[in-house]
Every structure is written in structure tokens, then in C-alpha cells.
Amino acid sequence: MKSDISSDIPAIERLAPRYAEPTEDNIRELVYAFYDRVRADALLGPAFEQKLARRWDEHLPKMCVFWGSLVLGAKQYRGNVQQAHMPLAGLEPRHFSRWLFLFLDTVESRYEPPAAVRFMEPALRIAQSLQLSKFGWDYQIPAEQQDLLDRIAPRRRSREEHAAEHARPLGEPFPAKIIGKSRDDD
């Protein structure tokens, strides 16, 4: 999950034990740590500050509810992610890539891999959806983002692919030949 972009998570935080399971409390820690990084980031800080100036105390609790809804299944978030991000002028693909790097790096530093994936897969899918919405359906998702998603959440096979993989030879009604005496052996 590491990138060529250097991590700015303090070494002491990287040494802390990682959580095996997300909880409301550690999701809150994640959200606040992540947005501290966003606010300090040279690329993302100004874009977020332009939209959220003096409203961070309102935004961060919403993000805790959002991630809790996604990861814990709390179903408490009542918002429209696409609509909330549409009025953001000046966003470019590099903003999405940087957001993803900071988010995935923050998640990875705080959660064991099985728990981290519970954040990473939806983050990548949401980023892709927002980019397609923002830049048009002809937009090509950057290869590094698609590669990350494919590694984290391999594409689910279709029913046809699953059926083809488990097809039985003609004349075989069972997955394995029945062993024993047949009528022809009498």
C-alpha cells in the first residue's frame, strides 16, 4: 500500500499497535488524524479550507458518522456524497490521488490489514465514483488507483464466470464420480 510519496505520519504513531477491529472510538481517532493531515497538506489543505473554513467542527463529526455507517453498518449517515462534492471548483485528478494516499496511509497505520480493507475498498470506490461524476463518464480512472482497488478488492466474478469454472463434464451429474459398483458390472 506504500507510495513513492513520503508519509508524514509521525514515527511514534506508526509504532503504536494497530486496531484489529473498527469501533466508533477508533473511527473518530482515524477521521480526526486524517483531516489533520489534509489540513496540513500543501495541495489539499487550501481546497478543503476554501470549502470548510470555520466549519470543521461541523464537518468532522459528519465524517465520523459517515465512516461508521460504511464500516460498522450503523446506517446513521443521511447525506449525498456526490451532491456534497459537486460544488468544489478547481479539483483535478491529482487532488483525488493525494486524498487517497493520505487516507489509505492513515488507515494502514491504524488498523490491521483485514480491518483496514473495510475502509480502503469503499474509499477507492467512492473516489472513482466522484471522479467519474466530476470529470465525465469518459474519464479514465488513473491506473494506480485501479491497481489499488484490484489488489484490495479483486473484481467479483459474474455468475457466468463462476458457473464456467465449476462446470462438470457432460454426463456427470455430480461433482465427482460415484465410486462403487455400477449396473454394468453385474
Protein backbone atom coordinates (compact mmCIF):
# COMPACT_ATOMS: atom_id res chain seq x y z
CA MET A 1 0.00 0.00 0.00
CA LYS A 2 3.01 2.29 0.25
CA SER A 3 3.52 5.01 -2.30
CA ASP A 4 6.52 6.94 -3.56
CA ILE A 5 5.05 9.93 -1.75
CA SER A 6 6.65 10.04 1.68
CA SER A 7 4.41 9.54 4.65
CA ASP A 8 4.05 12.37 7.12
CA ILE A 9 2.63 10.23 9.93
CA PRO A 10 4.86 10.70 12.98
CA ALA A 11 7.13 7.73 13.68
CA ILE A 12 5.70 7.36 17.20
CA GLU A 13 2.21 6.95 15.73
CA ARG A 14 3.47 4.32 13.28
CA LEU A 15 4.85 2.29 16.21
CA ALA A 16 1.53 2.25 18.07
CA PRO A 17 -0.37 -1.03 17.98
CA ARG A 18 -2.90 -1.23 15.18
CA TYR A 19 -6.56 -1.96 15.80
CA ALA A 20 -7.90 -5.38 14.84
CA GLU A 21 -11.47 -4.10 14.52
CA PRO A 22 -13.00 -0.69 13.87
CA THR A 23 -15.08 0.84 16.64
CA GLU A 24 -16.83 4.19 16.93
CA ASP A 25 -13.98 5.47 19.11
CA ASN A 26 -11.13 4.44 16.84
CA ILE A 27 -13.03 5.61 13.74
CA ARG A 28 -13.24 9.02 15.39
CA GLU A 29 -9.47 8.92 16.01
CA LEU A 30 -8.90 7.96 12.36
CA VAL A 31 -11.12 10.72 10.98
CA TYR A 32 -9.55 13.44 13.12
CA ALA A 33 -5.99 12.25 12.38
CA PHE A 34 -6.71 12.06 8.66
CA TYR A 35 -8.22 15.53 8.46
CA ASP A 36 -5.30 16.95 10.48
CA ARG A 37 -3.11 15.63 7.65
CA VAL A 38 -5.45 17.04 4.99
CA ARG A 39 -5.44 20.48 6.59
CA ALA A 40 -1.64 20.48 6.77
CA ASP A 41 -1.22 19.22 3.19
CA ALA A 42 0.03 21.79 0.65
CA LEU A 43 -2.26 20.50 -2.11
CA LEU A 44 -5.42 19.53 -0.22
CA GLY A 45 -5.34 21.99 2.67
CA PRO A 46 -6.31 25.05 0.61
CA ALA A 47 -9.09 23.20 -1.27
CA PHE A 48 -10.66 21.94 1.95
CA GLU A 49 -10.16 25.23 3.75
CA GLN A 50 -11.91 27.07 0.89
CA LYS A 51 -14.99 24.89 1.39
CA LEU A 52 -14.91 24.28 5.15
CA ALA A 53 -13.39 27.42 6.66
CA ARG A 54 -14.80 27.84 10.17
CA ARG A 55 -16.99 24.75 9.68
CA TRP A 56 -14.56 21.99 10.63
CA ASP A 57 -16.33 21.39 13.96
CA GLU A 58 -19.49 20.64 11.98
CA HIS A 59 -17.77 18.59 9.22
CA LEU A 60 -15.65 16.19 11.27
CA PRO A 61 -18.50 14.65 13.30
CA LYS A 62 -20.36 14.09 10.00
CA MET A 63 -17.33 12.24 8.66
CA CYS A 64 -17.24 10.06 11.79
CA VAL A 65 -20.89 9.15 11.22
CA PHE A 66 -20.23 8.57 7.50
CA TRP A 67 -17.33 6.15 8.08
CA GLY A 68 -19.15 4.48 10.97
CA SER A 69 -22.12 3.90 8.68
CA LEU A 70 -19.93 2.39 5.98
CA VAL A 71 -17.59 0.31 8.12
CA LEU A 72 -19.77 -0.63 11.08
CA GLY A 73 -23.06 -0.76 9.20
CA ALA A 74 -24.50 1.85 11.58
CA LYS A 75 -26.76 3.30 8.83
CA GLN A 76 -26.82 6.71 10.53
CA TYR A 77 -25.36 8.86 7.73
CA ARG A 78 -28.02 10.84 5.92
CA GLY A 79 -26.28 12.69 3.14
CA ASN A 80 -25.47 12.62 -0.56
CA VAL A 81 -21.74 12.20 -1.17
CA GLN A 82 -21.98 13.13 -4.86
CA GLN A 83 -24.01 16.26 -4.19
CA ALA A 84 -21.72 17.41 -1.38
CA HIS A 85 -18.65 17.25 -3.63
CA MET A 86 -20.07 18.70 -6.85
CA PRO A 87 -19.70 22.39 -5.97
CA LEU A 88 -15.95 22.02 -5.36
CA ALA A 89 -14.33 24.04 -8.12
CA GLY A 90 -10.74 23.53 -9.20
CA LEU A 91 -10.46 19.86 -8.26
CA GLU A 92 -8.18 17.85 -10.51
CA PRO A 93 -7.29 14.15 -10.61
CA ARG A 94 -4.16 14.84 -8.54
CA HIS A 95 -6.37 16.02 -5.66
CA PHE A 96 -8.13 12.65 -5.63
CA SER A 97 -4.86 10.74 -5.78
CA ARG A 98 -3.43 12.75 -2.91
CA TRP A 99 -6.62 12.33 -0.84
CA LEU A 100 -6.49 8.58 -1.43
CA PHE A 101 -2.82 8.36 -0.49
CA LEU A 102 -3.34 10.27 2.76
CA PHE A 103 -6.46 8.33 3.66
CA LEU A 104 -5.10 4.86 2.85
CA ASP A 105 -1.81 5.63 4.60
CA THR A 106 -3.63 6.85 7.71
CA VAL A 107 -5.88 3.77 7.72
CA GLU A 108 -2.94 1.42 7.21
CA SER A 109 -1.05 2.96 10.12
CA ARG A 110 -4.01 2.46 12.48
CA TYR A 111 -5.62 -0.88 11.52
CA GLU A 112 -4.57 -4.45 10.94
CA PRO A 113 -4.97 -5.46 7.27
CA PRO A 114 -8.39 -7.17 7.49
CA ALA A 115 -9.85 -4.14 9.28
CA ALA A 116 -8.03 -1.67 7.01
CA VAL A 117 -9.62 -3.18 3.90
CA ARG A 118 -13.04 -2.36 5.33
CA PHE A 119 -12.11 1.33 4.91
CA MET A 120 -9.95 1.06 1.81
CA GLU A 121 -12.38 -0.62 -0.56
CA PRO A 122 -15.19 1.91 -0.07
CA ALA A 123 -12.69 4.81 -0.17
CA LEU A 124 -11.40 3.69 -3.56
CA ARG A 125 -14.88 3.07 -4.94
CA ILE A 126 -16.13 6.45 -3.70
CA ALA A 127 -13.09 8.21 -5.20
CA GLN A 128 -13.73 6.52 -8.54
CA SER A 129 -17.39 7.45 -8.47
CA LEU A 130 -16.63 11.08 -7.58
CA GLN A 131 -14.03 11.33 -10.33
CA LEU A 132 -16.36 9.91 -12.97
CA SER A 133 -19.08 12.29 -11.81
CA LYS A 134 -16.72 15.28 -11.77
CA PHE A 135 -14.75 14.65 -14.97
CA GLY A 136 -17.31 12.79 -17.08
CA TRP A 137 -18.03 9.16 -17.79
CA ASP A 138 -15.32 9.04 -20.48
CA TYR A 139 -12.71 9.84 -17.83
CA GLN A 140 -10.16 7.07 -17.30
CA ILE A 141 -9.52 6.30 -13.63
CA PRO A 142 -5.75 6.60 -13.07
CA ALA A 143 -4.08 3.20 -13.40
CA GLU A 144 -2.53 3.40 -9.91
CA GLN A 145 -5.99 3.85 -8.37
CA GLN A 146 -7.48 0.97 -10.36
CA ASP A 147 -4.49 -1.24 -9.46
CA LEU A 148 -5.00 -0.45 -5.78
CA LEU A 149 -8.69 -1.32 -5.97
CA ASP A 150 -7.94 -4.55 -7.83
CA ARG A 151 -5.41 -5.55 -5.15
CA ILE A 152 -7.62 -4.58 -2.22
CA ALA A 153 -10.94 -5.79 -3.61
CA PRO A 154 -10.50 -8.09 -6.58
CA ARG A 155 -13.36 -7.90 -9.02
CA ARG A 156 -16.13 -10.25 -8.08
CA ARG A 157 -16.76 -12.93 -10.66
CA SER A 158 -20.03 -12.95 -12.55
CA ARG A 159 -22.41 -15.88 -12.25
CA GLU A 160 -21.34 -16.99 -15.73
CA GLU A 161 -17.64 -16.96 -14.77
CA HIS A 162 -18.39 -18.90 -11.58
CA ALA A 163 -20.54 -21.43 -13.46
CA ALA A 164 -17.88 -21.93 -16.15
CA GLU A 165 -15.21 -22.54 -13.52
CA HIS A 166 -17.35 -25.18 -11.79
CA ALA A 167 -18.79 -26.83 -14.91
CA ARG A 168 -18.98 -30.62 -14.89
CA PRO A 169 -18.16 -32.82 -17.84
CA LEU A 170 -21.16 -33.89 -19.88
CA GLY A 171 -22.82 -36.96 -18.47
CA GLU A 172 -21.55 -36.35 -14.94
CA PRO A 173 -24.47 -35.35 -12.74
CA PHE A 174 -22.33 -35.00 -9.63
CA PRO A 175 -19.14 -33.05 -8.90
CA ALA A 176 -17.24 -36.33 -8.51
CA LYS A 177 -17.72 -39.77 -9.97
CA ILE A 178 -19.61 -42.07 -7.68
CA ILE A 179 -17.34 -44.85 -6.63
CA GLY A 180 -18.73 -48.34 -6.41
CA LYS A 181 -20.40 -50.98 -8.44
CA SER A 182 -22.43 -49.89 -11.44
CA ARG A 183 -25.24 -51.73 -13.17
CA ASP A 184 -22.85 -52.68 -15.96
CA ASP A 185 -20.67 -54.60 -13.51
CA ASP A 186 -23.39 -57.25 -12.80
